[in-house]
């Protein structure tokens, strides 16, 4: 079966955002080009790692002699996007992701694949009735990638505060520290 590829080569918007309250948030990678919007669910840890690795790629590119790709060291203010997610219709829940660099277009490339469903036994059917597996392919220029990473770090960091003693999140209702008292 052919793979249904949701491809965005020069998206108008690419962000990570959440729905729900801290402690019960669902993270989404949302991409928009014109009227086409794709939202895929991912884990908080996937979001954090994606931002970290994008910054690592961009920082490595800056260190190349002459910065040939004009990679910004910080987030260009005109690319900051603090708006809420557009209407979310989850396309799939992310399993594996790959991250790369395309030097021919000077773009960061993200590929996201759905989690494997052990109950499907190779009979993959998309929810909209299309046969075959699907994936998301996003290509974004360096400035957009830098802004994406910054926003993603902020979204991840906006969760529940962490207990300084045990390192576990503190819920709004309170927290019972799991470390024995000294």
Protein backbone atom coordinates (compact mmCIF):
# COMPACT_ATOMS: atom_id res chain seq x y z
CA UNK A 1 0.00 0.00 0.00
CA UNK A 2 1.33 3.45 -0.81
CA UNK A 3 2.13 5.78 2.06
CA UNK A 4 -0.05 8.88 2.37
CA UNK A 5 2.46 11.71 2.81
CA UNK A 6 1.30 15.00 4.33
CA UNK A 7 4.05 17.15 2.84
CA UNK A 8 4.79 20.77 3.67
CA UNK A 9 7.77 22.23 1.79
CA UNK A 10 7.42 25.89 2.80
CA UNK A 11 4.73 25.95 5.52
CA UNK A 12 2.98 29.15 6.56
CA UNK A 13 3.07 27.90 10.14
CA UNK A 14 4.74 25.06 12.03
CA UNK A 15 4.38 24.95 15.82
CA UNK A 16 4.08 22.70 18.84
CA UNK A 17 1.15 23.53 21.08
CA UNK A 18 -1.01 21.85 23.68
CA UNK A 19 -4.61 21.23 24.58
CA UNK A 20 -5.57 20.68 28.21
CA UNK A 21 -4.31 21.68 31.61
CA UNK A 22 -0.77 21.05 32.89
CA UNK A 23 -0.53 17.44 33.95
CA UNK A 24 -3.17 16.42 31.43
CA UNK A 25 -1.95 18.21 28.30
CA UNK A 26 -1.83 16.67 24.86
CA UNK A 27 1.02 17.96 22.71
CA UNK A 28 0.52 18.55 18.99
CA UNK A 29 2.84 19.32 16.13
CA UNK A 30 0.69 21.43 13.83
CA UNK A 31 1.60 22.49 10.31
CA UNK A 32 -0.35 24.80 8.00
CA UNK A 33 0.06 25.84 4.38
CA UNK A 34 -2.85 27.82 3.00
CA UNK A 35 -6.00 25.97 4.03
CA UNK A 36 -4.23 22.62 4.58
CA UNK A 37 -3.69 21.92 8.30
CA UNK A 38 -2.26 18.74 9.78
CA UNK A 39 -2.05 18.11 13.53
CA UNK A 40 -0.25 15.10 14.94
CA UNK A 41 -0.12 14.18 18.62
CA UNK A 42 3.24 13.63 20.27
CA UNK A 43 4.68 13.16 23.70
CA UNK A 44 6.11 15.97 25.80
CA UNK A 45 9.52 14.28 25.70
CA UNK A 46 9.37 14.01 21.90
CA UNK A 47 8.60 17.74 21.71
CA UNK A 48 11.49 18.65 24.01
CA UNK A 49 13.95 16.42 22.17
CA UNK A 50 12.84 17.76 18.79
CA UNK A 51 13.52 21.36 19.90
CA UNK A 52 16.89 20.38 21.38
CA UNK A 53 18.03 18.54 18.25
CA UNK A 54 16.88 21.33 15.91
CA UNK A 55 18.94 23.81 17.91
CA UNK A 56 21.93 21.43 17.78
CA UNK A 57 21.70 21.19 13.98
CA UNK A 58 21.41 24.95 13.61
CA UNK A 59 24.30 25.58 16.02
CA UNK A 60 26.50 23.15 14.06
CA UNK A 61 25.64 24.95 10.83
CA UNK A 62 26.56 28.31 12.37
CA UNK A 63 30.00 26.94 13.17
CA UNK A 64 30.69 26.24 9.49
CA UNK A 65 33.15 28.71 8.04
CA UNK A 66 31.29 31.81 6.90
CA UNK A 67 27.88 30.49 8.08
CA UNK A 68 26.97 29.70 4.44
CA UNK A 69 23.30 29.10 5.21
CA UNK A 70 22.79 32.38 7.16
CA UNK A 71 21.61 30.52 10.25
CA UNK A 72 20.46 32.97 12.92
CA UNK A 73 22.00 32.64 16.38
CA UNK A 74 18.71 33.69 18.00
CA UNK A 75 15.06 33.67 17.08
CA UNK A 76 14.12 36.31 14.51
CA UNK A 77 11.42 38.42 16.23
CA UNK A 78 9.27 38.54 13.09
CA UNK A 79 9.01 34.74 13.20
CA UNK A 80 7.89 34.44 16.85
CA UNK A 81 4.50 32.68 16.95
CA UNK A 82 2.74 32.67 20.31
CA UNK A 83 -0.76 32.11 18.94
CA UNK A 84 -2.96 29.20 20.00
CA UNK A 85 -3.19 26.13 17.83
CA UNK A 86 -5.65 26.27 14.97
CA UNK A 87 -8.61 23.90 15.24
CA UNK A 88 -7.10 20.49 15.99
CA UNK A 89 -8.19 17.36 14.22
CA UNK A 90 -5.62 14.73 15.15
CA UNK A 91 -4.24 12.98 12.08
CA UNK A 92 -2.26 10.40 14.03
CA UNK A 93 -0.23 9.83 17.20
CA UNK A 94 3.50 10.05 16.53
CA UNK A 95 5.74 7.06 17.02
CA UNK A 96 9.08 7.45 15.26
CA UNK A 97 10.49 10.75 14.06
CA UNK A 98 13.54 11.64 12.02
CA UNK A 99 15.27 14.98 11.78
CA UNK A 100 17.60 16.07 9.03
CA UNK A 101 19.12 18.88 7.02
CA UNK A 102 18.66 19.56 3.30
CA UNK A 103 21.60 21.70 2.12
CA UNK A 104 20.07 22.16 -1.34
CA UNK A 105 17.17 24.18 0.10
CA UNK A 106 18.74 25.22 3.44
CA UNK A 107 15.88 23.64 5.35
CA UNK A 108 15.48 21.50 8.45
CA UNK A 109 13.48 18.37 7.61
CA UNK A 110 11.15 16.59 10.04
CA UNK A 111 9.57 13.25 9.27
CA UNK A 112 6.97 11.83 11.65
CA UNK A 113 5.40 8.40 11.51
CA UNK A 114 2.41 7.05 13.44
CA UNK A 115 2.77 4.64 16.32
CA UNK A 116 2.52 1.02 15.27
CA UNK A 117 -0.81 -0.54 16.19
CA UNK A 118 -0.20 -4.21 16.99
CA UNK A 119 -3.89 -5.00 16.40
CA UNK A 120 -3.76 -3.95 12.73
CA UNK A 121 -1.64 -6.88 11.45
CA UNK A 122 -0.46 -4.94 8.38
CA UNK A 123 -4.00 -3.85 7.55
CA UNK A 124 -3.35 -0.14 7.95
CA UNK A 125 -6.38 1.99 7.24
CA UNK A 126 -6.40 5.72 7.75
CA UNK A 127 -9.37 7.11 9.65
CA UNK A 128 -10.59 8.97 6.57
CA UNK A 129 -10.86 5.67 4.69
CA UNK A 130 -7.69 6.03 2.62
CA UNK A 131 -5.73 2.81 2.35
CA UNK A 132 -2.17 2.67 3.56
CA UNK A 133 0.05 4.12 6.24
CA UNK A 134 0.70 7.83 6.53
CA UNK A 135 3.48 10.19 7.52
CA UNK A 136 4.18 13.88 7.96
CA UNK A 137 7.05 15.53 6.06
CA UNK A 138 7.89 19.12 6.99
CA UNK A 139 10.66 21.27 5.53
CA UNK A 140 11.30 24.60 7.21
CA UNK A 141 13.86 27.33 6.63
CA UNK A 142 16.47 28.07 9.31
CA UNK A 143 14.74 31.11 10.83
CA UNK A 144 11.44 29.27 11.10
CA UNK A 145 13.26 26.29 12.61
CA UNK A 146 14.91 28.51 15.24
CA UNK A 147 11.53 30.07 16.13
CA UNK A 148 9.94 26.60 16.22
CA UNK A 149 12.57 25.35 18.67
CA UNK A 150 12.16 28.37 20.96
CA UNK A 151 8.38 28.11 21.08
CA UNK A 152 8.55 24.36 21.67
CA UNK A 153 10.91 24.82 24.64
CA UNK A 154 8.53 27.42 26.09
CA UNK A 155 5.48 25.18 25.62
CA UNK A 156 7.25 22.21 27.24
CA UNK A 157 8.44 24.40 30.11
CA UNK A 158 4.95 25.77 30.79
CA UNK A 159 3.86 22.57 32.51
CA UNK A 160 3.63 21.75 36.18
CA UNK A 161 6.46 22.94 38.43
CA UNK A 162 9.01 20.32 39.49
CA UNK A 163 9.55 19.38 43.13
CA UNK A 164 13.11 20.40 44.07
CA UNK A 165 13.41 17.39 46.41
CA UNK A 166 12.20 14.44 44.35
CA UNK A 167 12.09 15.84 40.82
CA UNK A 168 8.48 14.83 40.20
CA UNK A 169 5.81 17.30 39.00
CA UNK A 170 3.73 19.17 41.57
CA UNK A 171 0.01 19.00 40.81
CA UNK A 172 -2.40 21.87 41.40
CA UNK A 173 -3.95 19.82 44.22
CA UNK A 174 -0.60 19.51 45.99
CA UNK A 175 2.28 17.08 46.12
CA UNK A 176 3.45 14.27 48.31
CA UNK A 177 7.19 13.99 47.96
CA UNK A 178 8.34 10.45 47.28
CA UNK A 179 11.73 10.92 48.97
CA UNK A 180 12.05 9.89 52.61
CA UNK A 181 12.77 12.74 54.95
CA UNK A 182 16.33 12.95 56.31
